Amino acid sequence: MVSPASHGLHPDRSKRHCLKILRALSTYIDGELPATVCKEIRMHMGACPHCESFVESLRQTVVLCRQLKPRPLSETLKSRIRQFVLAARRPS
């Protein structure tokens, strides 16, 4: 296991930075972040094998999810969902 100290970072600072990176990953993978933030994320991942591994796993998950074809819902299920949503919108 690679310690944060081996990255030249204080452990708490590294954890905080990892959390900051993890919060932005979905937007990063979708290509919706400014170039400066993307560069910061790439630099961090280059120094943090744990975050790099997590990002790769997340990318693979996104690819697999996009390949899935949704199954059509039955009319019965559509009706039940519609009733549930309408009931949830009614004031108590």
N, C-alpha and C. Protein backbone atom coordinates (compact mmCIF):
# COMPACT_ATOMS: atom_id res chain seq x y z
N MET A 1 0.84 -1.18 0.00
CA MET A 1 0.00 0.00 0.00
C MET A 1 0.88 1.24 0.00
N VAL A 2 0.53 2.20 -0.83
CA VAL A 2 1.31 3.43 -0.92
C VAL A 2 0.78 4.42 0.09
N SER A 3 1.66 4.98 0.89
CA SER A 3 1.22 5.93 1.90
C SER A 3 1.21 7.34 1.33
N PRO A 4 0.35 8.22 1.87
CA PRO A 4 0.34 9.60 1.42
C PRO A 4 1.69 10.26 1.58
N ALA A 5 2.45 9.85 2.61
CA ALA A 5 3.77 10.44 2.82
C ALA A 5 4.69 10.18 1.63
N SER A 6 4.48 9.05 0.94
CA SER A 6 5.33 8.75 -0.21
C SER A 6 5.01 9.68 -1.38
N HIS A 7 3.88 10.36 -1.29
CA HIS A 7 3.54 11.35 -2.32
C HIS A 7 4.08 12.73 -1.95
N GLY A 8 4.70 12.83 -0.80
CA GLY A 8 5.17 14.12 -0.33
C GLY A 8 4.06 14.95 0.29
N LEU A 9 2.95 14.31 0.65
CA LEU A 9 1.81 15.02 1.22
C LEU A 9 1.56 14.55 2.65
N HIS A 10 1.06 15.44 3.45
CA HIS A 10 0.62 15.10 4.80
C HIS A 10 -0.62 14.22 4.66
N PRO A 11 -0.75 13.14 5.47
CA PRO A 11 -1.88 12.21 5.33
C PRO A 11 -3.25 12.88 5.33
N ASP A 12 -3.52 13.81 6.25
CA ASP A 12 -4.82 14.48 6.29
C ASP A 12 -5.04 15.30 5.03
N ARG A 13 -4.02 15.98 4.60
CA ARG A 13 -4.13 16.80 3.40
C ARG A 13 -4.40 15.92 2.18
N SER A 14 -3.74 14.78 2.11
CA SER A 14 -3.95 13.86 1.00
C SER A 14 -5.37 13.33 1.00
N LYS A 15 -5.89 12.94 2.18
CA LYS A 15 -7.25 12.43 2.27
C LYS A 15 -8.26 13.49 1.83
N ARG A 16 -8.04 14.71 2.28
CA ARG A 16 -8.95 15.80 1.88
C ARG A 16 -8.90 16.00 0.37
N HIS A 17 -7.71 15.92 -0.19
CA HIS A 17 -7.57 16.12 -1.63
C HIS A 17 -8.23 14.96 -2.39
N CYS A 18 -8.06 13.74 -1.90
CA CYS A 18 -8.72 12.58 -2.53
C CYS A 18 -10.24 12.76 -2.50
N LEU A 19 -10.78 13.20 -1.37
CA LEU A 19 -12.22 13.41 -1.27
C LEU A 19 -12.69 14.48 -2.26
N LYS A 20 -11.91 15.53 -2.39
CA LYS A 20 -12.24 16.59 -3.35
C LYS A 20 -12.26 16.02 -4.77
N ILE A 21 -11.29 15.20 -5.08
CA ILE A 21 -11.21 14.58 -6.40
C ILE A 21 -12.41 13.64 -6.61
N LEU A 22 -12.70 12.81 -5.62
CA LEU A 22 -13.81 11.85 -5.74
C LEU A 22 -15.14 12.55 -5.97
N ARG A 23 -15.34 13.70 -5.35
CA ARG A 23 -16.60 14.44 -5.53
C ARG A 23 -16.75 14.96 -6.95
N ALA A 24 -15.65 15.16 -7.65
CA ALA A 24 -15.70 15.74 -8.99
C ALA A 24 -15.61 14.69 -10.10
N LEU A 25 -15.45 13.42 -9.74
CA LEU A 25 -15.15 12.39 -10.75
C LEU A 25 -16.23 12.20 -11.81
N SER A 26 -17.46 12.19 -11.42
CA SER A 26 -18.53 11.98 -12.40
C SER A 26 -18.51 13.08 -13.45
N THR A 27 -18.40 14.30 -12.99
CA THR A 27 -18.35 15.44 -13.90
C THR A 27 -17.07 15.40 -14.74
N TYR A 28 -15.98 14.96 -14.13
CA TYR A 28 -14.71 14.82 -14.85
C TYR A 28 -14.83 13.80 -15.97
N ILE A 29 -15.39 12.63 -15.66
CA ILE A 29 -15.53 11.57 -16.66
C ILE A 29 -16.44 12.02 -17.81
N ASP A 30 -17.46 12.81 -17.48
CA ASP A 30 -18.38 13.30 -18.50
C ASP A 30 -17.78 14.45 -19.32
N GLY A 31 -16.58 14.90 -18.94
CA GLY A 31 -15.92 15.97 -19.69
C GLY A 31 -16.56 17.33 -19.49
N GLU A 32 -17.12 17.56 -18.30
CA GLU A 32 -17.85 18.80 -18.05
C GLU A 32 -17.13 19.76 -17.09
N LEU A 33 -15.86 19.51 -16.83
CA LEU A 33 -15.10 20.38 -15.93
C LEU A 33 -14.18 21.30 -16.72
N PRO A 34 -13.85 22.45 -16.16
CA PRO A 34 -12.88 23.34 -16.81
C PRO A 34 -11.52 22.63 -16.94
N ALA A 35 -10.77 23.02 -17.93
CA ALA A 35 -9.46 22.39 -18.20
C ALA A 35 -8.53 22.46 -16.99
N THR A 36 -8.58 23.55 -16.24
CA THR A 36 -7.69 23.67 -15.08
C THR A 36 -8.01 22.63 -14.01
N VAL A 37 -9.30 22.35 -13.81
CA VAL A 37 -9.70 21.35 -12.82
C VAL A 37 -9.33 19.95 -13.32
N CYS A 38 -9.51 19.70 -14.62
CA CYS A 38 -9.12 18.41 -15.20
C CYS A 38 -7.63 18.18 -15.02
N LYS A 39 -6.85 19.21 -15.22
CA LYS A 39 -5.40 19.10 -15.06
C LYS A 39 -5.05 18.76 -13.61
N GLU A 40 -5.73 19.40 -12.66
CA GLU A 40 -5.49 19.12 -11.24
C GLU A 40 -5.83 17.67 -10.92
N ILE A 41 -6.94 17.19 -11.47
CA ILE A 41 -7.34 15.81 -11.22
C ILE A 41 -6.33 14.84 -11.82
N ARG A 42 -5.88 15.09 -13.05
CA ARG A 42 -4.89 14.21 -13.69
C ARG A 42 -3.58 14.21 -12.91
N MET A 43 -3.17 15.37 -12.42
CA MET A 43 -1.93 15.44 -11.63
C MET A 43 -2.07 14.63 -10.35
N HIS A 44 -3.22 14.76 -9.70
CA HIS A 44 -3.45 14.01 -8.46
C HIS A 44 -3.43 12.51 -8.74
N MET A 45 -4.13 12.10 -9.78
CA MET A 45 -4.20 10.67 -10.09
C MET A 45 -2.82 10.12 -10.45
N GLY A 46 -1.99 10.92 -11.07
CA GLY A 46 -0.65 10.48 -11.40
C GLY A 46 0.18 10.20 -10.16
N ALA A 47 -0.18 10.85 -9.05
CA ALA A 47 0.56 10.66 -7.80
C ALA A 47 -0.20 9.79 -6.81
N CYS A 48 -1.43 9.41 -7.14
CA CYS A 48 -2.25 8.64 -6.20
C CYS A 48 -2.83 7.41 -6.90
N PRO A 49 -2.17 6.27 -6.76
CA PRO A 49 -2.64 5.06 -7.45
C PRO A 49 -4.04 4.62 -7.03
N HIS A 50 -4.44 4.95 -5.81
CA HIS A 50 -5.78 4.57 -5.36
C HIS A 50 -6.85 5.33 -6.13
N CYS A 51 -6.67 6.62 -6.27
CA CYS A 51 -7.64 7.43 -7.03
C CYS A 51 -7.62 7.05 -8.51
N GLU A 52 -6.44 6.80 -9.04
CA GLU A 52 -6.32 6.42 -10.44
C GLU A 52 -7.07 5.10 -10.70
N SER A 53 -6.90 4.15 -9.81
CA SER A 53 -7.59 2.87 -9.94
C SER A 53 -9.11 3.06 -9.84
N PHE A 54 -9.53 3.90 -8.91
CA PHE A 54 -10.96 4.16 -8.74
C PHE A 54 -11.56 4.80 -9.98
N VAL A 55 -10.86 5.76 -10.56
CA VAL A 55 -11.35 6.44 -11.77
C VAL A 55 -11.48 5.44 -12.91
N GLU A 56 -10.52 4.57 -13.07
CA GLU A 56 -10.59 3.58 -14.14
C GLU A 56 -11.78 2.65 -13.93
N SER A 57 -12.00 2.24 -12.70
CA SER A 57 -13.14 1.39 -12.39
C SER A 57 -14.46 2.13 -12.68
N LEU A 58 -14.53 3.39 -12.32
CA LEU A 58 -15.73 4.18 -12.58
C LEU A 58 -15.97 4.34 -14.08
N ARG A 59 -14.91 4.58 -14.83
CA ARG A 59 -15.04 4.69 -16.29
C ARG A 59 -15.61 3.40 -16.89
N GLN A 60 -15.09 2.27 -16.44
CA GLN A 60 -15.57 0.98 -16.95
C GLN A 60 -17.04 0.77 -16.59
N THR A 61 -17.42 1.19 -15.40
CA THR A 61 -18.82 1.07 -14.98
C THR A 61 -19.72 1.92 -15.86
N VAL A 62 -19.30 3.13 -16.16
CA VAL A 62 -20.08 4.02 -17.02
C VAL A 62 -20.24 3.40 -18.41
N VAL A 63 -19.16 2.87 -18.97
CA VAL A 63 -19.22 2.24 -20.29
C VAL A 63 -20.21 1.07 -20.27
N LEU A 64 -20.12 0.23 -19.26
CA LEU A 64 -21.04 -0.91 -19.17
C LEU A 64 -22.49 -0.47 -19.04
N CYS A 65 -22.74 0.54 -18.24
CA CYS A 65 -24.11 1.05 -18.07
C CYS A 65 -24.65 1.63 -19.37
N ARG A 66 -23.81 2.30 -20.12
CA ARG A 66 -24.26 2.89 -21.39
C ARG A 66 -24.55 1.82 -22.43
N GLN A 67 -23.95 0.66 -22.29
CA GLN A 67 -24.17 -0.42 -23.24
C GLN A 67 -25.46 -1.19 -22.96
N LEU A 68 -25.98 -1.06 -21.76
CA LEU A 68 -27.21 -1.77 -21.41
C LEU A 68 -28.40 -1.18 -22.16
N LYS A 69 -29.24 -2.04 -22.66
CA LYS A 69 -30.44 -1.57 -23.32
C LYS A 69 -31.59 -1.68 -22.33
N PRO A 70 -32.29 -0.58 -22.12
CA PRO A 70 -33.38 -0.64 -21.15
C PRO A 70 -34.51 -1.54 -21.64
N ARG A 71 -35.07 -2.27 -20.70
CA ARG A 71 -36.21 -3.12 -21.03
C ARG A 71 -37.47 -2.28 -20.94
N PRO A 72 -38.41 -2.51 -21.84
CA PRO A 72 -39.66 -1.74 -21.76
C PRO A 72 -40.45 -2.13 -20.51
N LEU A 73 -41.15 -1.15 -19.96
CA LEU A 73 -41.98 -1.41 -18.78
C LEU A 73 -43.36 -1.88 -19.22
N SER A 74 -43.92 -2.76 -18.46
CA SER A 74 -45.29 -3.22 -18.75
C SER A 74 -46.26 -2.08 -18.45
N GLU A 75 -47.41 -2.13 -19.05
CA GLU A 75 -48.43 -1.10 -18.80
C GLU A 75 -48.84 -1.10 -17.33
N THR A 76 -48.89 -2.28 -16.72
CA THR A 76 -49.24 -2.38 -15.31
C THR A 76 -48.22 -1.65 -14.44
N LEU A 77 -46.95 -1.89 -14.72
CA LEU A 77 -45.90 -1.24 -13.93
C LEU A 77 -45.90 0.27 -14.17
N LYS A 78 -46.09 0.70 -15.42
CA LYS A 78 -46.17 2.14 -15.71
C LYS A 78 -47.29 2.78 -14.91
N SER A 79 -48.42 2.12 -14.85
CA SER A 79 -49.57 2.64 -14.11
C SER A 79 -49.26 2.74 -12.62
N ARG A 80 -48.64 1.71 -12.07
CA ARG A 80 -48.29 1.72 -10.64
C ARG A 80 -47.30 2.83 -10.32
N ILE A 81 -46.33 3.03 -11.19
CA ILE A 81 -45.34 4.09 -10.98
C ILE A 81 -46.03 5.45 -11.04
N ARG A 82 -46.87 5.64 -12.02
CA ARG A 82 -47.61 6.90 -12.18
C ARG A 82 -48.43 7.18 -10.92
N GLN A 83 -49.14 6.17 -10.40
CA GLN A 83 -49.94 6.34 -9.18
C GLN A 83 -49.07 6.70 -7.98
N PHE A 84 -47.93 6.04 -7.88
CA PHE A 84 -47.00 6.31 -6.79
C PHE A 84 -46.50 7.76 -6.84
N VAL A 85 -46.12 8.22 -8.03
CA VAL A 85 -45.61 9.58 -8.19
C VAL A 85 -46.71 10.59 -7.86
N LEU A 86 -47.90 10.38 -8.38
CA LEU A 86 -49.01 11.29 -8.11
C LEU A 86 -49.34 11.34 -6.62
N ALA A 87 -49.34 10.19 -5.98
CA ALA A 87 -49.62 10.14 -4.54
C ALA A 87 -48.54 10.88 -3.74
N ALA A 88 -47.32 10.78 -4.18
CA ALA A 88 -46.22 11.45 -3.48
C ALA A 88 -46.29 12.97 -3.63
N ARG A 89 -46.90 13.44 -4.70
CA ARG A 89 -47.01 14.88 -4.96
C ARG A 89 -48.15 15.52 -4.19
N ARG A 90 -49.12 14.72 -3.75
CA ARG A 90 -50.28 15.27 -3.03
C ARG A 90 -49.86 15.76 -1.66
N PRO A 91 -50.39 16.93 -1.27
CA PRO A 91 -50.07 17.41 0.10
C PRO A 91 -50.69 16.48 1.14
N SER A 92 -50.00 16.29 2.24
CA SER A 92 -50.51 15.39 3.28
C SER A 92 -51.57 16.04 4.13
